[in-house]
């Protein structure tokens, strides 16, 4: 998507070290208080449940919003997407598509060290003991599961959380609970970029929903609108997007669109507003979606979803040498909205 952050699930894990940054790029480690000899570790504190855009329920509502924009006779249907997109030209087929899970959000409760090792060594599950649906309100060095007595002393194991592909045969003999159905749109790069040393490819599982949408719209442009609608419905559009996007207000057939700030002064929440799809095209053009075709600049219709490969440098300060040194063989996991990259 044009969001370079790719709006997927986010978790940076450093073996033996926890480094916290902003909410969308927090660092977590599967570690209990007793996993270290240090007695002065600070404890991670969690807040309310996050409103995650990529639940199947929310993505279904977002898809209904996309379909509503195909009505060219309505005040919201006067967009290039409604009149000229591949998706709109096959709207009859599009309306029969159902959003079904591409992933499931589970938690697992190991009863012994063998089950624990089975879970933490599973690179598909990529489990964490930090609930992915909770806001981190205070960073810390370790997490104590308040629902499990004795996990802080090592007497019992706490819950481990994972978002896994819909078709993955996970270890079902371990106590588990499904928390949520999820749908993630695919990455649609025309070519696979070469991986740097140490990088591993992460692919989003394609399910029937994705196949059906690509049958209707082979360019995959619809995924961009779908994700924007999902983010809007959960009040998760970022400031950069809100500066460009415009909105219609409910029950107003005038065809007048407003900036988010203008709509907010009228008392509307982000989730209540209706996206102006002409401004969505402007958003695409403001990013890297502009291409040269026969000497002319084109926008969304030629744009392709780009994979987001998290990258950066992890260093420690050597007080003796007085310089930063790289951390060798550090393991990094990136988590956002429920998806994992490693």
C-alpha atoms as a PDB file:
ATOM      1  CA  UNK A   1       0.000   0.000   0.000  1.00  0.00           C
ATOM      2  CA  UNK A   2       1.116   3.587  -0.319  1.00  0.00           C
ATOM      3  CA  UNK A   3       1.655   3.496   3.404  1.00  0.00           C
ATOM      4  CA  UNK A   4       5.329   2.700   3.500  1.00  0.00           C
ATOM      5  CA  UNK A   5       4.757   1.212   6.951  1.00  0.00           C
ATOM      6  CA  UNK A   6       2.420  -1.262   5.270  1.00  0.00           C
ATOM      7  CA  UNK A   7      -0.094  -1.348   8.172  1.00  0.00           C
ATOM      8  CA  UNK A   8       0.610  -4.876   9.257  1.00  0.00           C
ATOM      9  CA  UNK A   9       1.068  -6.313  12.808  1.00  0.00           C
ATOM     10  CA  UNK A  10       4.401  -4.828  14.670  1.00  0.00           C
ATOM     11  CA  UNK A  11       7.037  -6.329  16.998  1.00  0.00           C
ATOM     12  CA  UNK A  12      10.776  -5.672  17.331  1.00  0.00           C
ATOM     13  CA  UNK A  13      12.430  -8.337  19.426  1.00  0.00           C
ATOM     14  CA  UNK A  14      16.039  -8.162  20.514  1.00  0.00           C
ATOM     15  CA  UNK A  15      17.369 -11.257  22.223  1.00  0.00           C
ATOM     16  CA  UNK A  16      18.123 -10.412  25.820  1.00  0.00           C
ATOM     17  CA  UNK A  17      17.296  -6.676  25.362  1.00  0.00           C
ATOM     18  CA  UNK A  18      13.961  -4.844  25.148  1.00  0.00           C
ATOM     19  CA  UNK A  19      13.884  -1.436  23.491  1.00  0.00           C
ATOM     20  CA  UNK A  20      10.562   0.374  23.297  1.00  0.00           C
ATOM     21  CA  UNK A  21       9.701   3.081  20.795  1.00  0.00           C
ATOM     22  CA  UNK A  22       6.300   4.316  19.556  1.00  0.00           C
ATOM     23  CA  UNK A  23       3.164   2.196  19.953  1.00  0.00           C
ATOM     24  CA  UNK A  24       3.233   0.961  16.358  1.00  0.00           C
ATOM     25  CA  UNK A  25       6.853  -0.204  16.544  1.00  0.00           C
ATOM     26  CA  UNK A  26       7.268  -1.517  20.044  1.00  0.00           C
ATOM     27  CA  UNK A  27       9.905  -4.048  21.011  1.00  0.00           C
ATOM     28  CA  UNK A  28       8.744  -7.070  22.912  1.00  0.00           C
ATOM     29  CA  UNK A  29      10.422 -10.207  24.221  1.00  0.00           C
ATOM     30  CA  UNK A  30       9.003 -13.499  25.414  1.00  0.00           C
ATOM     31  CA  UNK A  31      10.457 -13.097  28.879  1.00  0.00           C
ATOM     32  CA  UNK A  32       9.093 -13.495  32.395  1.00  0.00           C
ATOM     33  CA  UNK A  33      10.354 -11.635  35.426  1.00  0.00           C
ATOM     34  CA  UNK A  34      12.299 -14.684  36.618  1.00  0.00           C
ATOM     35  CA  UNK A  35      14.055 -15.163  33.255  1.00  0.00           C
ATOM     36  CA  UNK A  36      16.759 -12.816  34.511  1.00  0.00           C
ATOM     37  CA  UNK A  37      18.777 -12.529  37.692  1.00  0.00           C
ATOM     38  CA  UNK A  38      18.195  -8.785  37.832  1.00  0.00           C
ATOM     39  CA  UNK A  39      15.726  -7.762  40.511  1.00  0.00           C
ATOM     40  CA  UNK A  40      15.073  -4.215  39.385  1.00  0.00           C
ATOM     41  CA  UNK A  41      13.380  -4.911  36.051  1.00  0.00           C
ATOM     42  CA  UNK A  42      10.518  -2.590  35.166  1.00  0.00           C
ATOM     43  CA  UNK A  43       7.262  -4.283  34.206  1.00  0.00           C
ATOM     44  CA  UNK A  44       5.370  -3.619  30.969  1.00  0.00           C
ATOM     45  CA  UNK A  45       1.975  -2.032  31.673  1.00  0.00           C
ATOM     46  CA  UNK A  46      -0.910  -2.506  29.252  1.00  0.00           C
ATOM     47  CA  UNK A  47      -3.948  -0.335  28.639  1.00  0.00           C
ATOM     48  CA  UNK A  48      -7.208  -0.729  26.758  1.00  0.00           C
ATOM     49  CA  UNK A  49      -7.898  -2.964  23.794  1.00  0.00           C
ATOM     50  CA  UNK A  50      -6.683  -1.587  20.469  1.00  0.00           C
ATOM     51  CA  UNK A  51      -9.197  -1.063  17.680  1.00  0.00           C
ATOM     52  CA  UNK A  52      -7.439  -3.237  15.089  1.00  0.00           C
ATOM     53  CA  UNK A  53      -8.368  -2.464  11.457  1.00  0.00           C
ATOM     54  CA  UNK A  54      -7.722  -5.935  10.074  1.00  0.00           C
ATOM     55  CA  UNK A  55     -10.351  -8.007  11.848  1.00  0.00           C
ATOM     56  CA  UNK A  56     -12.575  -9.830   9.381  1.00  0.00           C
ATOM     57  CA  UNK A  57     -15.609  -8.036  10.816  1.00  0.00           C
ATOM     58  CA  UNK A  58     -14.092  -4.609  10.262  1.00  0.00           C
ATOM     59  CA  UNK A  59     -12.732  -5.490   6.817  1.00  0.00           C
ATOM     60  CA  UNK A  60     -16.225  -6.638   5.816  1.00  0.00           C
ATOM     61  CA  UNK A  61     -17.613  -3.257   6.838  1.00  0.00           C
ATOM     62  CA  UNK A  62     -14.794  -1.581   4.914  1.00  0.00           C
ATOM     63  CA  UNK A  63     -15.633  -3.609   1.812  1.00  0.00           C
ATOM     64  CA  UNK A  64     -19.269  -2.521   2.067  1.00  0.00           C
ATOM     65  CA  UNK A  65     -18.002   1.085   2.099  1.00  0.00           C
ATOM     66  CA  UNK A  66     -15.973   0.442  -1.059  1.00  0.00           C
ATOM     67  CA  UNK A  67     -19.014  -1.055  -2.803  1.00  0.00           C
ATOM     68  CA  UNK A  68     -21.141   1.944  -1.777  1.00  0.00           C
ATOM     69  CA  UNK A  69     -18.787   4.191  -3.777  1.00  0.00           C
ATOM     70  CA  UNK A  70     -19.632   2.315  -6.989  1.00  0.00           C
ATOM     71  CA  UNK A  71     -23.049   3.975  -7.187  1.00  0.00           C
ATOM     72  CA  UNK A  72     -22.325   6.732  -9.724  1.00  0.00           C
ATOM     73  CA  UNK A  73     -25.792   8.216  -9.165  1.00  0.00           C
ATOM     74  CA  UNK A  74     -25.028   9.003  -5.528  1.00  0.00           C
ATOM     75  CA  UNK A  75     -23.145  12.033  -4.219  1.00  0.00           C
ATOM     76  CA  UNK A  76     -20.196   9.834  -3.216  1.00  0.00           C
ATOM     77  CA  UNK A  77     -19.976   7.973  -6.524  1.00  0.00           C
ATOM     78  CA  UNK A  78     -18.557  10.837  -8.568  1.00  0.00           C
ATOM     79  CA  UNK A  79     -14.993   9.540  -8.609  1.00  0.00           C
ATOM     80  CA  UNK A  80     -12.600   8.111 -11.148  1.00  0.00           C
ATOM     81  CA  UNK A  81     -12.582   4.903  -9.146  1.00  0.00           C
ATOM     82  CA  UNK A  82     -16.359   4.529  -9.577  1.00  0.00           C
ATOM     83  CA  UNK A  83     -16.313   5.417 -13.272  1.00  0.00           C
ATOM     84  CA  UNK A  84     -13.097   3.954 -14.651  1.00  0.00           C
ATOM     85  CA  UNK A  85     -11.513   1.390 -12.349  1.00  0.00           C
ATOM     86  CA  UNK A  86     -11.307  -2.302 -13.245  1.00  0.00           C
ATOM     87  CA  UNK A  87     -13.083  -3.049 -10.004  1.00  0.00           C
ATOM     88  CA  UNK A  88     -16.044  -0.836 -10.885  1.00  0.00           C
ATOM     89  CA  UNK A  89     -16.344  -2.342 -14.372  1.00  0.00           C
ATOM     90  CA  UNK A  90     -16.918  -5.734 -12.750  1.00  0.00           C
ATOM     91  CA  UNK A  91     -19.043  -4.542  -9.876  1.00  0.00           C
ATOM     92  CA  UNK A  92     -21.634  -7.302 -10.309  1.00  0.00           C
ATOM     93  CA  UNK A  93     -18.995  -9.931  -9.556  1.00  0.00           C
ATOM     94  CA  UNK A  94     -17.471  -7.782  -6.829  1.00  0.00           C
ATOM     95  CA  UNK A  95     -20.715  -7.599  -4.867  1.00  0.00           C
ATOM     96  CA  UNK A  96     -20.768 -11.372  -4.394  1.00  0.00           C
ATOM     97  CA  UNK A  97     -17.322 -11.480  -2.751  1.00  0.00           C
ATOM     98  CA  UNK A  98     -17.186 -12.327   0.942  1.00  0.00           C
ATOM     99  CA  UNK A  99     -14.383 -11.284   3.264  1.00  0.00           C
ATOM    100  CA  UNK A 100     -13.167 -14.445   4.987  1.00  0.00           C
ATOM    101  CA  UNK A 101     -10.110 -14.860   7.224  1.00  0.00           C
ATOM    102  CA  UNK A 102      -6.605 -15.010   5.815  1.00  0.00           C
ATOM    103  CA  UNK A 103      -5.230 -15.282   9.380  1.00  0.00           C
ATOM    104  CA  UNK A 104      -6.359 -16.167  12.878  1.00  0.00           C
ATOM    105  CA  UNK A 105      -5.365 -14.521  16.131  1.00  0.00           C
ATOM    106  CA  UNK A 106      -4.749 -17.206  18.764  1.00  0.00           C
ATOM    107  CA  UNK A 107      -3.337 -17.545  22.213  1.00  0.00           C
ATOM    108  CA  UNK A 108      -1.682 -20.692  23.583  1.00  0.00           C
ATOM    109  CA  UNK A 109      -1.128 -21.869  27.149  1.00  0.00           C
ATOM    110  CA  UNK A 110       1.735 -24.358  27.460  1.00  0.00           C
ATOM    111  CA  UNK A 111       1.502 -26.734  30.420  1.00  0.00           C
ATOM    112  CA  UNK A 112       5.201 -27.610  30.546  1.00  0.00           C
ATOM    113  CA  UNK A 113       8.612 -26.700  29.131  1.00  0.00           C
ATOM    114  CA  UNK A 114       8.214 -29.096  26.200  1.00  0.00           C
ATOM    115  CA  UNK A 115       5.049 -27.376  24.991  1.00  0.00           C
ATOM    116  CA  UNK A 116       6.623 -23.986  25.646  1.00  0.00           C
ATOM    117  CA  UNK A 117       9.655 -24.854  23.517  1.00  0.00           C
ATOM    118  CA  UNK A 118       7.383 -26.163  20.751  1.00  0.00           C
ATOM    119  CA  UNK A 119       5.642 -22.810  20.585  1.00  0.00           C
ATOM    120  CA  UNK A 120       8.592 -20.440  20.880  1.00  0.00           C
ATOM    121  CA  UNK A 121      10.637 -22.354  18.289  1.00  0.00           C
ATOM    122  CA  UNK A 122       7.817 -22.285  15.724  1.00  0.00           C
ATOM    123  CA  UNK A 123       8.882 -19.587  13.243  1.00  0.00           C
ATOM    124  CA  UNK A 124       5.406 -19.432  11.675  1.00  0.00           C
ATOM    125  CA  UNK A 125       3.655 -18.768  14.975  1.00  0.00           C
ATOM    126  CA  UNK A 126       6.275 -16.213  16.138  1.00  0.00           C
ATOM    127  CA  UNK A 127       4.604 -16.136  19.548  1.00  0.00           C
ATOM    128  CA  UNK A 128       4.878 -13.321  22.060  1.00  0.00           C
ATOM    129  CA  UNK A 129       3.664 -13.159  25.645  1.00  0.00           C
ATOM    130  CA  UNK A 130       2.475  -9.566  25.106  1.00  0.00           C
ATOM    131  CA  UNK A 131      -1.206  -9.524  24.031  1.00  0.00           C
ATOM    132  CA  UNK A 132      -1.276  -8.031  20.526  1.00  0.00           C
ATOM    133  CA  UNK A 133      -4.686  -6.460  21.010  1.00  0.00           C
ATOM    134  CA  UNK A 134      -3.616  -4.327  23.984  1.00  0.00           C
ATOM    135  CA  UNK A 135      -2.136  -0.837  24.077  1.00  0.00           C
ATOM    136  CA  UNK A 136       1.259  -0.552  25.742  1.00  0.00           C
ATOM    137  CA  UNK A 137       0.956   2.425  28.074  1.00  0.00           C
ATOM    138  CA  UNK A 138       4.259   1.965  29.877  1.00  0.00           C
ATOM    139  CA  UNK A 139       7.321   0.277  28.411  1.00  0.00           C
ATOM    140  CA  UNK A 140       9.398  -2.050  30.497  1.00  0.00           C
ATOM    141  CA  UNK A 141      11.897  -4.880  30.621  1.00  0.00           C
ATOM    142  CA  UNK A 142       9.496  -7.790  31.191  1.00  0.00           C
ATOM    143  CA  UNK A 143       5.806  -8.686  31.181  1.00  0.00           C
ATOM    144  CA  UNK A 144       3.817 -10.335  33.971  1.00  0.00           C
ATOM    145  CA  UNK A 145       0.562 -11.959  32.838  1.00  0.00           C
ATOM    146  CA  UNK A 146      -2.042 -10.861  35.427  1.00  0.00           C
ATOM    147  CA  UNK A 147      -4.376 -13.742  34.475  1.00  0.00           C
ATOM    148  CA  UNK A 148      -1.894 -16.483  35.384  1.00  0.00           C
ATOM    149  CA  UNK A 149      -0.906 -16.972  39.000  1.00  0.00           C
ATOM    150  CA  UNK A 150       2.708 -17.962  39.405  1.00  0.00           C
ATOM    151  CA  UNK A 151       3.976 -17.058  35.936  1.00  0.00           C
ATOM    152  CA  UNK A 152       6.071 -14.292  37.471  1.00  0.00           C
ATOM    153  CA  UNK A 153       7.894 -16.837  39.644  1.00  0.00           C
ATOM    154  CA  UNK A 154       8.289 -19.470  36.930  1.00  0.00           C
ATOM    155  CA  UNK A 155       5.830 -21.804  38.660  1.00  0.00           C
ATOM    156  CA  UNK A 156       3.448 -21.636  35.676  1.00  0.00           C
ATOM    157  CA  UNK A 157       3.654 -20.582  32.047  1.00  0.00           C
ATOM    158  CA  UNK A 158       1.639 -17.600  30.809  1.00  0.00           C
ATOM    159  CA  UNK A 159      -0.348 -17.198  27.607  1.00  0.00           C
ATOM    160  CA  UNK A 160       1.550 -16.828  24.325  1.00  0.00           C
ATOM    161  CA  UNK A 161      -0.063 -14.888  21.462  1.00  0.00           C
ATOM    162  CA  UNK A 162       0.190 -15.416  17.716  1.00  0.00           C
ATOM    163  CA  UNK A 163      -1.352 -14.395  14.404  1.00  0.00           C
ATOM    164  CA  UNK A 164      -1.112 -17.374  12.056  1.00  0.00           C
ATOM    165  CA  UNK A 165      -2.089 -18.077   8.416  1.00  0.00           C
ATOM    166  CA  UNK A 166      -5.536 -19.583   7.928  1.00  0.00           C
ATOM    167  CA  UNK A 167      -4.085 -22.768   6.419  1.00  0.00           C
ATOM    168  CA  UNK A 168      -1.353 -23.416   8.982  1.00  0.00           C
ATOM    169  CA  UNK A 169      -1.464 -26.729  10.855  1.00  0.00           C
ATOM    170  CA  UNK A 170      -0.539 -25.404  14.287  1.00  0.00           C
ATOM    171  CA  UNK A 171       0.101 -27.610  17.369  1.00  0.00           C
ATOM    172  CA  UNK A 172      -3.528 -28.060  18.339  1.00  0.00           C
ATOM    173  CA  UNK A 173      -2.695 -30.440  21.203  1.00  0.00           C
ATOM    174  CA  UNK A 174      -1.527 -27.426  23.214  1.00  0.00           C
ATOM    175  CA  UNK A 175      -4.324 -25.557  25.007  1.00  0.00           C
ATOM    176  CA  UNK A 176      -5.418 -22.700  22.782  1.00  0.00           C
ATOM    177  CA  UNK A 177      -8.142 -20.140  22.197  1.00  0.00           C
ATOM    178  CA  UNK A 178      -9.040 -18.300  18.998  1.00  0.00           C
ATOM    179  CA  UNK A 179      -9.402 -14.607  19.762  1.00  0.00           C
ATOM    180  CA  UNK A 180     -10.135 -13.090  16.365  1.00  0.00           C
ATOM    181  CA  UNK A 181     -10.515 -13.711  12.636  1.00  0.00           C
ATOM    182  CA  UNK A 182      -8.257 -11.466  10.553  1.00  0.00           C
ATOM    183  CA  UNK A 183      -7.936 -10.505   6.890  1.00  0.00           C
ATOM    184  CA  UNK A 184      -4.740  -9.017   5.425  1.00  0.00           C
ATOM    185  CA  UNK A 185      -4.425  -7.887   1.828  1.00  0.00           C
ATOM    186  CA  UNK A 186      -1.494  -9.298  -0.148  1.00  0.00           C
ATOM    187  CA  UNK A 187       1.691  -7.635  -1.338  1.00  0.00           C
ATOM    188  CA  UNK A 188       1.657  -7.241  -5.116  1.00  0.00           C
ATOM    189  CA  UNK A 189       5.157  -6.275  -6.199  1.00  0.00           C
ATOM    190  CA  UNK A 190       5.757  -6.947  -9.876  1.00  0.00           C
ATOM    191  CA  UNK A 191       9.223  -8.255  -9.059  1.00  0.00           C
ATOM    192  CA  UNK A 192      10.751  -9.672  -5.923  1.00  0.00           C
ATOM    193  CA  UNK A 193      13.476  -7.404  -4.653  1.00  0.00           C
ATOM    194  CA  UNK A 194      16.772  -9.115  -3.815  1.00  0.00           C
ATOM    195  CA  UNK A 195      17.136  -9.776  -0.112  1.00  0.00           C
ATOM    196  CA  UNK A 196      20.053  -8.441   1.878  1.00  0.00           C
ATOM    197  CA  UNK A 197      22.177 -10.881   3.833  1.00  0.00           C
ATOM    198  CA  UNK A 198      20.256 -12.091   6.867  1.00  0.00           C
ATOM    199  CA  UNK A 199      16.825 -11.025   5.552  1.00  0.00           C
ATOM    200  CA  UNK A 200      14.020 -13.538   5.192  1.00  0.00           C
ATOM    201  CA  UNK A 201      10.976 -13.149   2.963  1.00  0.00           C
ATOM    202  CA  UNK A 202       7.594 -12.730   4.625  1.00  0.00           C
ATOM    203  CA  UNK A 203       4.554 -13.520   2.541  1.00  0.00           C
ATOM    204  CA  UNK A 204       0.930 -12.873   3.388  1.00  0.00           C
ATOM    205  CA  UNK A 205      -1.232 -15.953   2.949  1.00  0.00           C
ATOM    206  CA  UNK A 206      -3.568 -15.602  -0.018  1.00  0.00           C
ATOM    207  CA  UNK A 207      -7.020 -16.995   0.586  1.00  0.00           C
ATOM    208  CA  UNK A 208     -10.264 -17.170  -1.413  1.00  0.00           C
ATOM    209  CA  UNK A 209     -11.096 -13.507  -0.693  1.00  0.00           C
ATOM    210  CA  UNK A 210      -7.785 -12.372  -2.154  1.00  0.00           C
ATOM    211  CA  UNK A 211      -8.114 -14.652  -5.185  1.00  0.00           C
ATOM    212  CA  UNK A 212     -11.662 -13.412  -5.821  1.00  0.00           C
ATOM    213  CA  UNK A 213     -10.648  -9.751  -5.531  1.00  0.00           C
ATOM    214  CA  UNK A 214      -7.717 -10.253  -7.895  1.00  0.00           C
ATOM    215  CA  UNK A 215     -10.051 -11.948 -10.376  1.00  0.00           C
ATOM    216  CA  UNK A 216     -12.232  -8.828 -10.353  1.00  0.00           C
ATOM    217  CA  UNK A 217      -9.323  -6.365 -10.179  1.00  0.00           C
ATOM    218  CA  UNK A 218      -6.049  -7.877 -11.349  1.00  0.00           C
ATOM    219  CA  UNK A 219      -4.154  -4.648 -10.596  1.00  0.00           C
ATOM    220  CA  UNK A 220      -5.063  -4.951  -6.922  1.00  0.00           C
ATOM    221  CA  UNK A 221      -6.005  -1.276  -6.696  1.00  0.00           C
ATOM    222  CA  UNK A 222      -9.062  -2.195  -4.643  1.00  0.00           C
ATOM    223  CA  UNK A 223      -6.850  -3.353  -1.765  1.00  0.00           C
ATOM    224  CA  UNK A 224      -5.718   0.234  -1.237  1.00  0.00           C
ATOM    225  CA  UNK A 225      -9.270   1.527  -0.905  1.00  0.00           C
ATOM    226  CA  UNK A 226     -10.177  -1.424   1.312  1.00  0.00           C
ATOM    227  CA  UNK A 227      -7.325  -0.734   3.732  1.00  0.00           C
ATOM    228  CA  UNK A 228      -8.002   2.990   3.853  1.00  0.00           C
ATOM    229  CA  UNK A 229     -11.642   2.298   4.684  1.00  0.00           C
ATOM    230  CA  UNK A 230     -10.598  -0.162   7.406  1.00  0.00           C
ATOM    231  CA  UNK A 231      -8.212   2.366   8.928  1.00  0.00           C
ATOM    232  CA  UNK A 232     -10.852   5.089   8.796  1.00  0.00           C
ATOM    233  CA  UNK A 233     -13.496   2.906  10.476  1.00  0.00           C
ATOM    234  CA  UNK A 234     -11.134   2.271  13.399  1.00  0.00           C
ATOM    235  CA  UNK A 235      -9.891   5.893  13.661  1.00  0.00           C
ATOM    236  CA  UNK A 236      -6.399   4.861  12.575  1.00  0.00           C
ATOM    237  CA  UNK A 237      -5.637   7.105   9.583  1.00  0.00           C
ATOM    238  CA  UNK A 238      -2.403   8.966  10.256  1.00  0.00           C
ATOM    239  CA  UNK A 239      -1.792  12.713  10.163  1.00  0.00           C
ATOM    240  CA  UNK A 240      -0.106  12.658   6.764  1.00  0.00           C
ATOM    241  CA  UNK A 241      -3.103  10.930   5.220  1.00  0.00           C
ATOM    242  CA  UNK A 242      -5.572  13.215   6.953  1.00  0.00           C
ATOM    243  CA  UNK A 243      -3.814  16.262   5.504  1.00  0.00           C
ATOM    244  CA  UNK A 244      -4.608  15.057   1.965  1.00  0.00           C
ATOM    245  CA  UNK A 245      -7.840  13.087   2.255  1.00  0.00           C
ATOM    246  CA  UNK A 246     -11.232  14.748   2.089  1.00  0.00           C
ATOM    247  CA  UNK A 247     -14.533  13.472   3.438  1.00  0.00           C
ATOM    248  CA  UNK A 248     -18.275  13.663   2.940  1.00  0.00           C
ATOM    249  CA  UNK A 249     -20.396  13.941   6.065  1.00  0.00           C
ATOM    250  CA  UNK A 250     -23.300  11.544   6.744  1.00  0.00           C
ATOM    251  CA  UNK A 251     -26.791  12.336   5.448  1.00  0.00           C
ATOM    252  CA  UNK A 252     -25.521  15.184   3.251  1.00  0.00           C
ATOM    253  CA  UNK A 253     -26.351  14.880  -0.451  1.00  0.00           C
ATOM    254  CA  UNK A 254     -24.813  18.202  -1.431  1.00  0.00           C
ATOM    255  CA  UNK A 255     -21.662  16.567  -2.813  1.00  0.00           C
ATOM    256  CA  UNK A 256     -19.482  18.938  -0.759  1.00  0.00           C
ATOM    257  CA  UNK A 257     -16.386  17.326   0.719  1.00  0.00           C
ATOM    258  CA  UNK A 258     -14.458  18.581   3.741  1.00  0.00           C
ATOM    259  CA  UNK A 259     -11.008  18.288   5.207  1.00  0.00           C
ATOM    260  CA  UNK A 260     -10.807  16.168   8.317  1.00  0.00           C
ATOM    261  CA  UNK A 261     -10.287  19.272  10.428  1.00  0.00           C
ATOM    262  CA  UNK A 262     -13.403  20.891   8.963  1.00  0.00           C
ATOM    263  CA  UNK A 263     -15.460  17.747   9.563  1.00  0.00           C
ATOM    264  CA  UNK A 264     -14.136  17.406  13.105  1.00  0.00           C
ATOM    265  CA  UNK A 265     -15.222  20.970  13.943  1.00  0.00           C
ATOM    266  CA  UNK A 266     -18.736  19.903  12.916  1.00  0.00           C
ATOM    267  CA  UNK A 267     -18.605  17.238  15.608  1.00  0.00           C
ATOM    268  CA  UNK A 268     -17.866  14.127  13.523  1.00  0.00           C
ATOM    269  CA  UNK A 269     -15.496  11.318  14.455  1.00  0.00           C
ATOM    270  CA  UNK A 270     -13.186   9.874  11.806  1.00  0.00           C
ATOM    271  CA  UNK A 271     -15.110   6.591  11.755  1.00  0.00           C
ATOM    272  CA  UNK A 272     -18.375   8.398  10.938  1.00  0.00           C
ATOM    273  CA  UNK A 273     -17.060  10.150   7.822  1.00  0.00           C
ATOM    274  CA  UNK A 274     -17.270   9.009   4.211  1.00  0.00           C
ATOM    275  CA  UNK A 275     -14.093   9.042   2.134  1.00  0.00           C
ATOM    276  CA  UNK A 276     -14.000  11.217  -0.974  1.00  0.00           C
ATOM    277  CA  UNK A 277     -12.328   8.819  -3.437  1.00  0.00           C
ATOM    278  CA  UNK A 278     -11.083  11.665  -5.623  1.00  0.00           C
ATOM    279  CA  UNK A 279      -8.889  12.676  -2.706  1.00  0.00           C
ATOM    280  CA  UNK A 280      -7.721   9.065  -2.367  1.00  0.00           C
ATOM    281  CA  UNK A 281      -6.313   9.341  -5.894  1.00  0.00           C
ATOM    282  CA  UNK A 282      -4.505  12.508  -4.786  1.00  0.00           C
ATOM    283  CA  UNK A 283      -3.074  10.560  -1.866  1.00  0.00           C
ATOM    284  CA  UNK A 284      -1.753   7.898  -4.232  1.00  0.00           C
ATOM    285  CA  UNK A 285      -0.192  10.560  -6.450  1.00  0.00           C
ATOM    286  CA  UNK A 286       1.437  12.237  -3.470  1.00  0.00           C
ATOM    287  CA  UNK A 287       3.440   9.100  -2.759  1.00  0.00           C
ATOM    288  CA  UNK A 288       5.433   6.869  -5.065  1.00  0.00           C
ATOM    289  CA  UNK A 289       2.437   5.823  -7.113  1.00  0.00           C
ATOM    290  CA  UNK A 290       3.165   8.228  -9.986  1.00  0.00           C
ATOM    291  CA  UNK A 291       4.651   6.610 -13.070  1.00  0.00           C
ATOM    292  CA  UNK A 292       5.640   7.770 -16.537  1.00  0.00           C
ATOM    293  CA  UNK A 293       3.602   6.085 -19.254  1.00  0.00           C
ATOM    294  CA  UNK A 294       4.145   7.281 -22.828  1.00  0.00           C
ATOM    295  CA  UNK A 295       5.524  10.518 -21.433  1.00  0.00           C
ATOM    296  CA  UNK A 296       2.462  11.188 -19.295  1.00  0.00           C
ATOM    297  CA  UNK A 297       2.192  10.950 -15.525  1.00  0.00           C
ATOM    298  CA  UNK A 298      -0.421   8.542 -14.226  1.00  0.00           C
ATOM    299  CA  UNK A 299      -1.507   7.759 -10.707  1.00  0.00           C
ATOM    300  CA  UNK A 300      -3.476   5.072  -8.955  1.00  0.00           C
ATOM    301  CA  UNK A 301      -4.350   2.921 -11.968  1.00  0.00           C
ATOM    302  CA  UNK A 302      -0.666   2.154 -12.530  1.00  0.00           C
ATOM    303  CA  UNK A 303       0.284   1.915  -8.916  1.00  0.00           C
ATOM    304  CA  UNK A 304       1.290  -1.393  -7.320  1.00  0.00           C
ATOM    305  CA  UNK A 305       1.381  -2.345  -3.674  1.00  0.00           C
ATOM    306  CA  UNK A 306       4.934  -2.310  -2.370  1.00  0.00           C
ATOM    307  CA  UNK A 307       6.339  -4.665   0.216  1.00  0.00           C
ATOM    308  CA  UNK A 308       7.681  -2.999   3.326  1.00  0.00           C
ATOM    309  CA  UNK A 309      10.935  -4.491   4.525  1.00  0.00           C
ATOM    310  CA  UNK A 310      11.716  -3.200   8.023  1.00  0.00           C
ATOM    311  CA  UNK A 311      15.349  -2.203   8.346  1.00  0.00           C
ATOM    312  CA  UNK A 312      17.664  -0.270  10.580  1.00  0.00           C
ATOM    313  CA  UNK A 313      20.825  -0.492  12.654  1.00  0.00           C
ATOM    314  CA  UNK A 314      21.016  -1.852  16.191  1.00  0.00           C
ATOM    315  CA  UNK A 315      24.123  -0.701  18.042  1.00  0.00           C
ATOM    316  CA  UNK A 316      25.488  -0.467  21.551  1.00  0.00           C
ATOM    317  CA  UNK A 317      27.817   2.188  22.935  1.00  0.00           C
ATOM    318  CA  UNK A 318      31.309   0.982  23.872  1.00  0.00           C
ATOM    319  CA  UNK A 319      32.507   3.318  26.619  1.00  0.00           C
ATOM    320  CA  UNK A 320      36.088   2.131  26.274  1.00  0.00           C
ATOM    321  CA  UNK A 321      36.356   2.648  22.521  1.00  0.00           C
ATOM    322  CA  UNK A 322      33.979   5.605  22.733  1.00  0.00           C
ATOM    323  CA  UNK A 323      32.010   4.539  19.658  1.00  0.00           C
ATOM    324  CA  UNK A 324      28.893   2.635  18.645  1.00  0.00           C
ATOM    325  CA  UNK A 325      29.316  -1.037  17.763  1.00  0.00           C
ATOM    326  CA  UNK A 326      26.860  -3.292  15.873  1.00  0.00           C
ATOM    327  CA  UNK A 327      24.932  -5.962  17.786  1.00  0.00           C
ATOM    328  CA  UNK A 328      25.828  -9.229  16.076  1.00  0.00           C
ATOM    329  CA  UNK A 329      23.214 -11.895  15.391  1.00  0.00           C
ATOM    330  CA  UNK A 330      20.427  -9.884  17.007  1.00  0.00           C
ATOM    331  CA  UNK A 331      16.990 -11.261  16.214  1.00  0.00           C
ATOM    332  CA  UNK A 332      14.436  -8.654  15.194  1.00  0.00           C
ATOM    333  CA  UNK A 333      10.722  -9.171  14.823  1.00  0.00           C
ATOM    334  CA  UNK A 334       8.423  -6.437  13.516  1.00  0.00           C
ATOM    335  CA  UNK A 335       4.756  -6.406  14.535  1.00  0.00           C
ATOM    336  CA  UNK A 336       1.985  -4.069  13.488  1.00  0.00           C
ATOM    337  CA  UNK A 337      -1.778  -4.497  13.660  1.00  0.00           C
ATOM    338  CA  UNK A 338      -1.290  -8.222  14.107  1.00  0.00           C
ATOM    339  CA  UNK A 339       1.207  -9.336  11.396  1.00  0.00           C
ATOM    340  CA  UNK A 340       4.805 -10.381  11.834  1.00  0.00           C
ATOM    341  CA  UNK A 341       8.036  -9.766   9.960  1.00  0.00           C
ATOM    342  CA  UNK A 342      11.350 -11.258  10.986  1.00  0.00           C
END
